[in-house]
Amino acid sequence: MGKKVKKDEKAPPEDVFDTILVESRQAATVVLMLSSPEEDVQSKACEAIYKFVDKCDENKKTLMDLGAIEPLLKLMGSEDRIARRNACMALSTMCANSDVRKFLRKREESIPKFVALLVPEEDTVVHEFAALGLSALATEFTSKVVINESNGVEPLVRCLSSNDPDVQKNAIEALAQLMMDYQTRATIRDFDGLNSVLELLKSEFSIIQKLALLTLERAAQDVDNRANLRELEAISKLINFLAHPEWNDLHVMSVMVLSSLLEDIESLEQIKETGGLKKLVAIITDQAPPEEETKKPDKKPAGKGGKKSAKESAKKPAEESNEQKDGEGVIPTLPDVKMSAAKAIARSARNSENRKILHEQEAEKMLIILLSHENVDVQSSAAQALAIMCENLSSRDSVREMEGMAPLIKLLNSENGDVKEAATLALANLTTANLANSKDVVNLNGLEPLIHMLSDQREEAVSNAACVLTNIAQDDTLRAEALNKGAVTALVEPLKSSNTIVQSKAALASAAYLCDVESRTEFREAGGLEPLIDFLDSGNDDVRRSAAWAITVCGVDEASAVEICKLGGLGVLQQIQLSETKRTPFTDAALYRILDSNLSAKYSLTGYIGYNNLIEDGFYDAGQMKKGSKFLSLEEFCNQELNDKRPVILINPKPEVTSAESKTEDVGLKPESSKTSLSGKSSRTGRESKSKTKAQKEKEEKQKEELQAQLQKEADAIAAAENLPFVTPADPVLLAYIDEVMEKIQPLPSSREQVIALSEFVSDKLGGSIDRGQVSSFSWELPVSQVRYELKSNVIPIGRLKTGIHIHRALLFKVLADRIALSCTLVRGQYNRAWNEVMLYDIDDNPTSPKFPPKEYIVDLIHQPGTLLPVDTPNAVSYQKI
């Protein structure tokens, strides 16, 4: 780099140094020249530095290391205009380097120097580069604060009205950076800066328009700025901006500004009054906007106090011709613009009041049209917006009336995950508390894709699909159709998900569909109970609550209740009962339902069977169960080896049938005889083989193969017989007891007489009455052990017992009473004690006039069978204890 410094070539006086021509190729030399007292030298040195740093970023760092910043800052305050201008140009260019900006942040006077150069008296070039420097410095947050505190916003706003586009560009870029600071957003409003920014939307330079929109978007984050923009009719101007297809690359940013403005209900009220929303819908949906709306914006820009430039006036006819062209043939908006418009509607619709206004302006119509767009991003954004709009009850009906259900269901088959997620979310909101929409989903063949969606990889789509199916299940007819298409089996797959939202929604959907025996059986066989039980121990409240509700529904069936107990569900619910944080009314309901459907478990766990609980076939008394222990099934008890523990008493009044073992033995006789026959034939064949021809040998070999095939077939039959399912031991004696009770006791005229007669019957069948104090010497254990030894099992049908005490008699009384509709309880005490409670009326001497209310009695089955002991009396208390 070489620079020449010249002085006046006239003959200098004797005391003046002669003019010297200096050439330099070193940047350090030029930096030294910045400290020269001669203004001409300073200005030319600054000019040389500007040209040098403008070449590359490394040069900026080099000049900073040589110490050029300090003298340049000093020269920015020089009285010489040229030196001041060149110093500003050089330092502003250097600000593009991050190290330079870091250095200037440490100099408190740096930013005020730039701000001071924005005064109207300075040249346009100075304004351009001073604004450039501020825009570069404003990228640092600390510099934003200093610029605002140095009153830099007002001169920057003033530069927006400059006739030089470079000044406008640098000023609006600086303001765009400053708008990221919340304090500056308020400052720009005080200097009427938003109006100047709106005017830049008419610029013929797209970069200025882009920066103006960026500034407006950031400024609109302040609620007061949004109010100011409404006063300036910014919404109408932005919508008019969208009507210009030649600016389509900036339409997305324009919609983003609108999105911020439409958050306020006042903005929606304004756009409703001016008809701007309908025009926006028309533009976004590629329809010709109404003539009334297109004419109004033409009149508004003219009333800005005569501040229009000549260029803007000259452009007006061209703009009008463009609008006329738009009216003749609509140019489609870009997909990104449509997507941003849908997102703007969604953002505004988050507020309930805004949703009402948008609904009144038929915003759903635009979104439904966008659902059919070929771009997947547009489809996804429109479906998301529609989902938010449908949180409004009226919108759900409007979407159906506008035929919006069909395109949503069509989107369920999309290959794009975002589209499927948004479509299912919209359908979930549409079908919530809306039976008509649910029917539409079914009628439009939406069930199959929804059920298929349950196995999708997109977890959000799975949870939304489960919500839709839950809503559909509220109607019996629609639920039946979903069940026919395999909804129950499909719901098992999402139950295996690790996502808590999917788990919760799938469990709720399961609860909605498991309303009949067939569906519960199908669900149980498909393995759906196991994940539900796992969810009971989940750390998520929603998952735990939904799982408990689903188990409550499943527990209606005894088979399902037994399976839940096998899988450990009863133990989990017991543990939850001990937790203060996990226990809820839902878990309580699940536990009670499981116990009511599995009275064997209920009696072992709680020691109480109520009036409403009827003992049915298959009930067994396994004794008091310890806390935390697993409740075994009857099959597991039967498969145990004979032990010395308390026997399990079984209730299964059924006639004796031929056992599976006898069948197996009968079947086994045939193969054995076949073997004998075969061996006999084989021996005979061996003895006669020498006298047979070759043809006869082949025939016999064939017969031998046939016999072996038959033998194998019979062996398979034996194996099948050995693998027969578990059969509950029958109790024909108990069946005879029931027949006798129904014949002799049930016809008695009053409940009191039935109780007395039944208690005497039970006592007679189990050893008769026992004197007080003689219970301990009553021999009942040895006969029970003998029966157990005879049966080779720990499970004893109660009819096989001929002697018994409290636990046996109370159980038999409850079983027989339930068969004749005699209401009573079964309560377990300690040390083999148990008793029955009945509710009876006092009749005194007049049986026809019973006294109300009924009283509760304990039935004596031991000492004086038939005696009724009023509860809480000494006799009743002594009966309950040893």
Foldseek 3Di string as FASTA:
>chain_A
DWDWDFDPQPDDDPPDDHTDTDIDDDLLVLLVQLPDPDLSSNLRSLQVLLVQCLPDLVSLVVCVVSVNLVSLLVQCPPPDLSNVLSSLSNLLSSLLHPVSLVVVVVPLCRLLSLLVQLDPVHDPSSLLSSLSSLLSNLLDPVSLVSCVVSVSLLSLLVQLLDPDVSSNLSSLSNLLSSLQDVVVLVVCVVNVSLLSLLVQCLPPDLSSVLSSLSNLLSSLLDVVSLVVCVVVVVLLSLLLSLLQVVNLVRLLSSLSSVLSSLLDVVSLVVCLVLVVVQSSLCQQLQHQGDPSSLPVVLPPVVPPPPSDDPVSVVCSVVSVVSSVVCNVGGDHHDLSNLLSNLQSLQSNLLDVSSLVSCVVVVVLLSLLSQCPDPDLSSNLSSLQSLLSSLLDVVSLVVCVVSVSLLSLLVQLPDPDPSNLLSSLSNLLSSLVVDQVSLVVCVVSVSLVSLLVQCQDPNLSSNLSSLSSLLSNLVDPVSLVVSVVNPNLLSLQNLLPDPDLSSLLSSLQSLLSNLQDDVSLVVNVVSPNLLSLLVQCPDPDQSNNLSSLSSLLNSLQALVSLVVCLVSVSLLSLLVLVVDPPSDDVSSVSNNVSSCLSQVLVVCQDVQKDFLPRADDAFRKNPHHDDRNDRDDHPVVQFPDFDDDDQFIEGAHADDDDDDLVVVLVVLVVVLVVLVVVLVVVVVVCVVCVVVDDPVVVVVVVVVNVVSVVVSVVSVVVSVVSVPDDDDDDHQNLLNVVLVVCVVPQLVDDDLLSSQLVLLQVLQQQAPHADAPPCPVVDDQVVQVVVQCVVVSGSYDHLSSHRHDDALSSQVSSSNSCSSSVQGWMWGDAPDSHIWIKHWAFDQDPHVVDTDDDTFIWIADNHHNGSDTHGPPDPVNVVSRDD
